[in-house]
Amino acid sequence: MDFALTDEQRMIVETTRAFVERELMPHEDEVERSGRLDMDLVRELQRKAIDAGLYAANMPAEVGGAGLDTMSWLLYEKELGRTSYALHWTCVARPSNILLAGTEEQKERYLYPCIRGETWDCLAMTEPGAGSDLRGMKATARRDGDDWILNGTKHFISHADIAGFAIVFMATGEEETPRGPKKLITAFFVDKGTPGFTVREGYRNVSHRGYTNSILEFDDCR
């Protein structure tokens, strides 16, 4: 079995490494010193990543991504990992869960603008009492006619402060299984500015300076 990289994979490594060294690393000291990432710089780096073909690299080429296979994606992420997370996230994945499970209407409204760099998303699952154990989540959504009403809190949500929308996971009921009751979990799109949806400042980090996380609160959010 040949474990050598293909010519295309070597090109991905070289292109990504050059981008990291040329465009991202020069900003490391300032981000580490200030603990923040200026939004003008974020948009500048995002545009450069798009121009270099390195943005939304996990997305298929036919929808505007780089169309990398799994191995190429790992090599790409490895090179991005040579700089601080606060900087390298400006190039990273876009919401593949929409690609896998979203309707075409949802893709047009949420996914494709993310791939084009017109907006950002955030993924909200973690709660104060339910991190990796999603079956322990307390936040709920209940149906009211044609609507759903969301209540609860999410925390440690990356980049929610700049996201145009959140993909929020909520408990929507239970079903019986041989092992006992099993919590049903549903994902919802919630646009920034929806009444009852509040984004608050999150936690300071010992590492990952310049990276932001937020607390999301839902109070009868319809």
C-alpha atoms as a PDB file:
ATOM      1  CA  MET A   1       0.000   0.000   0.000  1.00  0.00           C
ATOM      2  CA  ASP A   2       1.356   3.416  -1.000  1.00  0.00           C
ATOM      3  CA  PHE A   3       1.016   5.989   1.794  1.00  0.00           C
ATOM      4  CA  ALA A   4       2.717   8.789  -0.136  1.00  0.00           C
ATOM      5  CA  LEU A   5       0.722  11.956  -0.778  1.00  0.00           C
ATOM      6  CA  THR A   6      -0.657  12.461  -4.242  1.00  0.00           C
ATOM      7  CA  ASP A   7       0.450  15.440  -6.327  1.00  0.00           C
ATOM      8  CA  GLU A   8      -2.873  17.126  -5.596  1.00  0.00           C
ATOM      9  CA  GLN A   9      -2.514  16.569  -1.847  1.00  0.00           C
ATOM     10  CA  ARG A  10       1.015  17.978  -1.866  1.00  0.00           C
ATOM     11  CA  MET A  11      -0.300  21.028  -3.687  1.00  0.00           C
ATOM     12  CA  ILE A  12      -3.005  21.489  -1.026  1.00  0.00           C
ATOM     13  CA  VAL A  13      -0.387  21.289   1.739  1.00  0.00           C
ATOM     14  CA  GLU A  14       1.930  23.757   0.004  1.00  0.00           C
ATOM     15  CA  THR A  15      -0.856  26.208  -0.858  1.00  0.00           C
ATOM     16  CA  THR A  16      -2.361  26.145   2.635  1.00  0.00           C
ATOM     17  CA  ARG A  17       1.025  26.410   4.339  1.00  0.00           C
ATOM     18  CA  ALA A  18       1.981  29.406   2.204  1.00  0.00           C
ATOM     19  CA  PHE A  19      -1.340  31.099   2.983  1.00  0.00           C
ATOM     20  CA  VAL A  20      -0.947  30.510   6.720  1.00  0.00           C
ATOM     21  CA  GLU A  21       2.598  31.881   6.753  1.00  0.00           C
ATOM     22  CA  ARG A  22       1.855  34.849   4.497  1.00  0.00           C
ATOM     23  CA  GLU A  23      -1.623  35.944   5.623  1.00  0.00           C
ATOM     24  CA  LEU A  24      -2.310  34.570   9.116  1.00  0.00           C
ATOM     25  CA  MET A  25       0.922  34.293  11.085  1.00  0.00           C
ATOM     26  CA  PRO A  26       1.836  38.005  10.748  1.00  0.00           C
ATOM     27  CA  HIS A  27      -1.217  38.838  12.899  1.00  0.00           C
ATOM     28  CA  GLU A  28      -0.532  36.335  15.687  1.00  0.00           C
ATOM     29  CA  ASP A  29       1.372  38.655  18.043  1.00  0.00           C
ATOM     30  CA  GLU A  30      -1.268  41.390  17.901  1.00  0.00           C
ATOM     31  CA  VAL A  31      -4.135  38.959  18.469  1.00  0.00           C
ATOM     32  CA  GLU A  32      -2.318  37.333  21.400  1.00  0.00           C
ATOM     33  CA  ARG A  33      -1.498  40.740  22.888  1.00  0.00           C
ATOM     34  CA  SER A  34      -4.949  42.294  22.519  1.00  0.00           C
ATOM     35  CA  GLY A  35      -7.037  39.152  22.980  1.00  0.00           C
ATOM     36  CA  ARG A  36      -9.369  40.214  20.187  1.00  0.00           C
ATOM     37  CA  LEU A  37      -9.735  39.888  16.447  1.00  0.00           C
ATOM     38  CA  ASP A  38     -10.873  43.020  14.638  1.00  0.00           C
ATOM     39  CA  MET A  39     -13.843  42.420  12.338  1.00  0.00           C
ATOM     40  CA  ASP A  40     -12.246  44.377   9.507  1.00  0.00           C
ATOM     41  CA  LEU A  41      -9.318  41.955   9.671  1.00  0.00           C
ATOM     42  CA  VAL A  42     -11.686  38.976   9.807  1.00  0.00           C
ATOM     43  CA  ARG A  43     -13.386  40.095   6.600  1.00  0.00           C
ATOM     44  CA  GLU A  44     -10.050  40.808   4.930  1.00  0.00           C
ATOM     45  CA  LEU A  45      -8.712  37.343   5.757  1.00  0.00           C
ATOM     46  CA  GLN A  46     -11.993  35.747   4.747  1.00  0.00           C
ATOM     47  CA  ARG A  47     -11.849  37.437   1.344  1.00  0.00           C
ATOM     48  CA  LYS A  48      -8.235  36.370   0.834  1.00  0.00           C
ATOM     49  CA  ALA A  49      -9.129  32.787   1.749  1.00  0.00           C
ATOM     50  CA  ILE A  50     -11.980  32.845  -0.777  1.00  0.00           C
ATOM     51  CA  ASP A  51      -9.683  34.234  -3.476  1.00  0.00           C
ATOM     52  CA  ALA A  52      -7.110  31.525  -2.692  1.00  0.00           C
ATOM     53  CA  GLY A  53      -9.740  28.777  -2.938  1.00  0.00           C
ATOM     54  CA  LEU A  54      -9.271  27.870   0.725  1.00  0.00           C
ATOM     55  CA  TYR A  55     -12.636  28.959   2.128  1.00  0.00           C
ATOM     56  CA  ALA A  56     -15.414  26.463   2.900  1.00  0.00           C
ATOM     57  CA  ALA A  57     -13.020  23.710   1.908  1.00  0.00           C
ATOM     58  CA  ASN A  58     -15.307  21.015   3.322  1.00  0.00           C
ATOM     59  CA  MET A  59     -18.066  21.915   0.875  1.00  0.00           C
ATOM     60  CA  PRO A  60     -18.513  20.273  -2.548  1.00  0.00           C
ATOM     61  CA  ALA A  61     -17.140  22.188  -5.511  1.00  0.00           C
ATOM     62  CA  GLU A  62     -20.575  22.300  -7.157  1.00  0.00           C
ATOM     63  CA  VAL A  63     -21.920  24.540  -4.363  1.00  0.00           C
ATOM     64  CA  GLY A  64     -18.855  26.775  -4.208  1.00  0.00           C
ATOM     65  CA  GLY A  65     -16.545  24.905  -1.832  1.00  0.00           C
ATOM     66  CA  ALA A  66     -13.138  23.389  -2.459  1.00  0.00           C
ATOM     67  CA  GLY A  67     -14.497  19.846  -2.704  1.00  0.00           C
ATOM     68  CA  LEU A  68     -11.708  18.246  -0.676  1.00  0.00           C
ATOM     69  CA  ASP A  69     -11.819  14.543   0.118  1.00  0.00           C
ATOM     70  CA  THR A  70     -11.344  13.412   3.727  1.00  0.00           C
ATOM     71  CA  MET A  71      -7.572  12.978   3.553  1.00  0.00           C
ATOM     72  CA  SER A  72      -7.062  16.300   1.781  1.00  0.00           C
ATOM     73  CA  TRP A  73      -9.311  17.972   4.352  1.00  0.00           C
ATOM     74  CA  LEU A  74      -7.189  16.574   7.198  1.00  0.00           C
ATOM     75  CA  LEU A  75      -4.003  17.847   5.554  1.00  0.00           C
ATOM     76  CA  TYR A  76      -5.619  21.260   5.100  1.00  0.00           C
ATOM     77  CA  GLU A  77      -6.698  21.422   8.757  1.00  0.00           C
ATOM     78  CA  LYS A  78      -3.251  20.301   9.908  1.00  0.00           C
ATOM     79  CA  GLU A  79      -1.646  23.247   8.134  1.00  0.00           C
ATOM     80  CA  LEU A  80      -4.211  25.704   9.502  1.00  0.00           C
ATOM     81  CA  GLY A  81      -3.420  24.353  12.970  1.00  0.00           C
ATOM     82  CA  ARG A  82       0.056  25.879  12.724  1.00  0.00           C
ATOM     83  CA  THR A  83      -1.436  29.267  13.614  1.00  0.00           C
ATOM     84  CA  SER A  84      -3.773  30.392  16.397  1.00  0.00           C
ATOM     85  CA  TYR A  85      -7.381  29.245  16.345  1.00  0.00           C
ATOM     86  CA  ALA A  86      -8.590  32.837  16.447  1.00  0.00           C
ATOM     87  CA  LEU A  87      -7.001  33.339  13.029  1.00  0.00           C
ATOM     88  CA  HIS A  88      -7.458  30.002  11.352  1.00  0.00           C
ATOM     89  CA  TRP A  89     -11.220  29.821  11.903  1.00  0.00           C
ATOM     90  CA  THR A  90     -11.561  32.584   9.271  1.00  0.00           C
ATOM     91  CA  CYS A  91     -10.921  29.848   6.684  1.00  0.00           C
ATOM     92  CA  VAL A  92     -12.553  26.806   8.209  1.00  0.00           C
ATOM     93  CA  ALA A  93     -15.580  24.614   7.572  1.00  0.00           C
ATOM     94  CA  ARG A  94     -19.035  25.820   6.810  1.00  0.00           C
ATOM     95  CA  PRO A  95     -22.123  24.082   8.220  1.00  0.00           C
ATOM     96  CA  SER A  96     -22.101  20.621   6.654  1.00  0.00           C
ATOM     97  CA  ASN A  97     -25.148  19.576   8.693  1.00  0.00           C
ATOM     98  CA  ILE A  98     -27.269  21.810   6.440  1.00  0.00           C
ATOM     99  CA  LEU A  99     -25.736  20.144   3.395  1.00  0.00           C
ATOM    100  CA  LEU A 100     -26.604  16.711   4.783  1.00  0.00           C
ATOM    101  CA  ALA A 101     -30.086  17.326   6.174  1.00  0.00           C
ATOM    102  CA  GLY A 102     -31.346  20.695   4.946  1.00  0.00           C
ATOM    103  CA  THR A 103     -33.978  21.278   2.299  1.00  0.00           C
ATOM    104  CA  GLU A 104     -33.027  23.150  -0.863  1.00  0.00           C
ATOM    105  CA  GLU A 105     -34.886  26.191   0.463  1.00  0.00           C
ATOM    106  CA  GLN A 106     -32.847  26.051   3.684  1.00  0.00           C
ATOM    107  CA  LYS A 107     -29.619  25.678   1.718  1.00  0.00           C
ATOM    108  CA  GLU A 108     -30.474  28.724  -0.393  1.00  0.00           C
ATOM    109  CA  ARG A 109     -31.303  30.799   2.668  1.00  0.00           C
ATOM    110  CA  TYR A 110     -28.554  29.668   5.051  1.00  0.00           C
ATOM    111  CA  LEU A 111     -25.839  27.464   3.554  1.00  0.00           C
ATOM    112  CA  TYR A 112     -24.948  29.097   0.261  1.00  0.00           C
ATOM    113  CA  PRO A 113     -24.550  32.617   1.747  1.00  0.00           C
ATOM    114  CA  CYS A 114     -22.119  31.080   4.280  1.00  0.00           C
ATOM    115  CA  ILE A 115     -20.108  29.471   1.500  1.00  0.00           C
ATOM    116  CA  ARG A 116     -19.974  32.798  -0.362  1.00  0.00           C
ATOM    117  CA  GLY A 117     -18.748  34.532   2.788  1.00  0.00           C
ATOM    118  CA  GLU A 118     -21.832  36.721   3.116  1.00  0.00           C
ATOM    119  CA  THR A 119     -22.711  35.580   6.646  1.00  0.00           C
ATOM    120  CA  TRP A 120     -21.565  33.253   9.430  1.00  0.00           C
ATOM    121  CA  ASP A 121     -23.277  30.476  11.295  1.00  0.00           C
ATOM    122  CA  CYS A 122     -22.942  29.127  14.822  1.00  0.00           C
ATOM    123  CA  LEU A 123     -23.840  25.697  16.189  1.00  0.00           C
ATOM    124  CA  ALA A 124     -25.576  25.626  19.578  1.00  0.00           C
ATOM    125  CA  MET A 125     -25.691  22.309  21.429  1.00  0.00           C
ATOM    126  CA  THR A 126     -23.660  22.684  24.641  1.00  0.00           C
ATOM    127  CA  GLU A 127     -25.484  23.683  27.843  1.00  0.00           C
ATOM    128  CA  PRO A 128     -24.332  24.457  31.396  1.00  0.00           C
ATOM    129  CA  GLY A 129     -25.302  20.925  32.440  1.00  0.00           C
ATOM    130  CA  ALA A 130     -24.996  19.088  29.127  1.00  0.00           C
ATOM    131  CA  GLY A 131     -21.831  19.256  27.092  1.00  0.00           C
ATOM    132  CA  SER A 132     -20.917  16.064  25.315  1.00  0.00           C
ATOM    133  CA  ASP A 133     -23.958  14.355  26.886  1.00  0.00           C
ATOM    134  CA  LEU A 134     -26.560  15.851  24.578  1.00  0.00           C
ATOM    135  CA  ARG A 135     -29.246  13.534  25.927  1.00  0.00           C
ATOM    136  CA  GLY A 136     -28.964  15.490  29.148  1.00  0.00           C
ATOM    137  CA  MET A 137     -29.942  18.803  27.587  1.00  0.00           C
ATOM    138  CA  LYS A 138     -32.601  20.842  29.348  1.00  0.00           C
ATOM    139  CA  ALA A 139     -33.428  23.381  26.633  1.00  0.00           C
ATOM    140  CA  THR A 140     -36.746  22.538  25.019  1.00  0.00           C
ATOM    141  CA  ALA A 141     -38.903  23.328  22.031  1.00  0.00           C
ATOM    142  CA  ARG A 142     -42.655  22.766  22.039  1.00  0.00           C
ATOM    143  CA  ARG A 143     -45.029  23.005  19.131  1.00  0.00           C
ATOM    144  CA  ASP A 144     -47.666  25.744  19.118  1.00  0.00           C
ATOM    145  CA  GLY A 145     -49.774  25.496  15.985  1.00  0.00           C
ATOM    146  CA  ASP A 146     -47.443  25.913  13.020  1.00  0.00           C
ATOM    147  CA  ASP A 147     -44.693  27.364  15.240  1.00  0.00           C
ATOM    148  CA  TRP A 148     -42.170  26.049  17.731  1.00  0.00           C
ATOM    149  CA  ILE A 149     -41.443  27.893  20.974  1.00  0.00           C
ATOM    150  CA  LEU A 150     -37.868  27.588  22.263  1.00  0.00           C
ATOM    151  CA  ASN A 151     -36.759  27.969  25.884  1.00  0.00           C
ATOM    152  CA  GLY A 152     -33.416  27.366  27.560  1.00  0.00           C
ATOM    153  CA  THR A 153     -29.744  28.317  27.590  1.00  0.00           C
ATOM    154  CA  LYS A 154     -26.726  27.310  25.517  1.00  0.00           C
ATOM    155  CA  HIS A 155     -23.148  28.225  26.347  1.00  0.00           C
ATOM    156  CA  PHE A 156     -19.614  28.026  24.932  1.00  0.00           C
ATOM    157  CA  ILE A 157     -21.099  28.759  21.491  1.00  0.00           C
ATOM    158  CA  SER A 158     -18.292  29.731  19.142  1.00  0.00           C
ATOM    159  CA  HIS A 159     -18.643  32.975  17.151  1.00  0.00           C
ATOM    160  CA  ALA A 160     -22.304  33.493  18.009  1.00  0.00           C
ATOM    161  CA  ASP A 161     -21.541  37.190  18.436  1.00  0.00           C
ATOM    162  CA  ILE A 162     -21.005  37.625  14.685  1.00  0.00           C
ATOM    163  CA  ALA A 163     -23.210  34.834  13.319  1.00  0.00           C
ATOM    164  CA  GLY A 164     -26.242  35.772  11.262  1.00  0.00           C
ATOM    165  CA  PHE A 165     -28.092  32.711  12.491  1.00  0.00           C
ATOM    166  CA  ALA A 166     -27.751  29.805  14.896  1.00  0.00           C
ATOM    167  CA  ILE A 167     -28.353  26.102  14.364  1.00  0.00           C
ATOM    168  CA  VAL A 168     -29.873  25.249  17.740  1.00  0.00           C
ATOM    169  CA  PHE A 169     -30.480  21.754  19.099  1.00  0.00           C
ATOM    170  CA  MET A 170     -33.472  21.427  21.429  1.00  0.00           C
ATOM    171  CA  ALA A 171     -35.226  18.578  23.231  1.00  0.00           C
ATOM    172  CA  THR A 172     -38.654  18.087  21.669  1.00  0.00           C
ATOM    173  CA  GLY A 173     -39.971  15.069  23.570  1.00  0.00           C
ATOM    174  CA  GLU A 174     -39.187  11.476  24.511  1.00  0.00           C
ATOM    175  CA  GLU A 175     -39.729   8.028  23.078  1.00  0.00           C
ATOM    176  CA  GLU A 176     -39.670   4.668  24.803  1.00  0.00           C
ATOM    177  CA  THR A 177     -36.829   2.284  23.986  1.00  0.00           C
ATOM    178  CA  PRO A 178     -35.757  -1.097  25.454  1.00  0.00           C
ATOM    179  CA  ARG A 179     -33.267   0.863  27.560  1.00  0.00           C
ATOM    180  CA  GLY A 180     -35.864   3.305  28.812  1.00  0.00           C
ATOM    181  CA  PRO A 181     -37.009   6.768  27.716  1.00  0.00           C
ATOM    182  CA  LYS A 182     -34.901   8.376  25.001  1.00  0.00           C
ATOM    183  CA  LYS A 183     -34.864  12.132  24.519  1.00  0.00           C
ATOM    184  CA  LEU A 184     -35.800  13.365  21.047  1.00  0.00           C
ATOM    185  CA  ILE A 185     -33.610  16.182  19.749  1.00  0.00           C
ATOM    186  CA  THR A 186     -34.401  18.523  16.864  1.00  0.00           C
ATOM    187  CA  ALA A 187     -32.276  21.196  15.185  1.00  0.00           C
ATOM    188  CA  PHE A 188     -33.770  24.630  14.493  1.00  0.00           C
ATOM    189  CA  PHE A 189     -32.587  27.617  12.488  1.00  0.00           C
ATOM    190  CA  VAL A 190     -32.887  30.780  14.574  1.00  0.00           C
ATOM    191  CA  ASP A 191     -32.075  34.103  12.922  1.00  0.00           C
ATOM    192  CA  LYS A 192     -30.195  36.764  14.854  1.00  0.00           C
ATOM    193  CA  GLY A 193     -32.697  39.337  16.057  1.00  0.00           C
ATOM    194  CA  THR A 194     -35.588  36.896  16.512  1.00  0.00           C
ATOM    195  CA  PRO A 195     -37.674  38.043  19.530  1.00  0.00           C
ATOM    196  CA  GLY A 196     -36.820  35.985  22.591  1.00  0.00           C
ATOM    197  CA  PHE A 197     -33.323  35.119  21.311  1.00  0.00           C
ATOM    198  CA  THR A 198     -30.483  36.863  23.167  1.00  0.00           C
ATOM    199  CA  VAL A 199     -26.729  36.523  22.662  1.00  0.00           C
ATOM    200  CA  ARG A 200     -24.608  37.402  25.705  1.00  0.00           C
ATOM    201  CA  GLU A 201     -20.867  37.607  26.225  1.00  0.00           C
ATOM    202  CA  GLY A 202     -19.383  34.235  27.088  1.00  0.00           C
ATOM    203  CA  TYR A 203     -16.303  33.063  28.942  1.00  0.00           C
ATOM    204  CA  ARG A 204     -12.711  34.219  28.814  1.00  0.00           C
ATOM    205  CA  ASN A 205     -10.225  31.586  27.710  1.00  0.00           C
ATOM    206  CA  VAL A 206      -6.810  30.766  29.127  1.00  0.00           C
ATOM    207  CA  SER A 207      -5.738  29.858  25.600  1.00  0.00           C
ATOM    208  CA  HIS A 208      -7.316  30.672  22.216  1.00  0.00           C
ATOM    209  CA  ARG A 209      -6.916  34.416  22.738  1.00  0.00           C
ATOM    210  CA  GLY A 210      -8.991  36.325  20.240  1.00  0.00           C
ATOM    211  CA  TYR A 211     -11.489  33.463  19.951  1.00  0.00           C
ATOM    212  CA  THR A 212     -14.991  34.313  21.141  1.00  0.00           C
ATOM    213  CA  ASN A 213     -17.742  32.196  22.622  1.00  0.00           C
ATOM    214  CA  SER A 214     -21.158  33.322  23.763  1.00  0.00           C
ATOM    215  CA  ILE A 215     -24.122  32.412  25.937  1.00  0.00           C
ATOM    216  CA  LEU A 216     -27.389  32.023  24.047  1.00  0.00           C
ATOM    217  CA  GLU A 217     -30.680  32.514  25.870  1.00  0.00           C
ATOM    218  CA  PHE A 218     -34.094  31.549  24.535  1.00  0.00           C
ATOM    219  CA  ASP A 219     -37.163  32.938  26.289  1.00  0.00           C
ATOM    220  CA  ASP A 220     -40.359  31.905  24.522  1.00  0.00           C
ATOM    221  CA  CYS A 221     -38.521  32.363  21.238  1.00  0.00           C
ATOM    222  CA  ARG A 222     -41.032  31.658  18.453  1.00  0.00           C
END
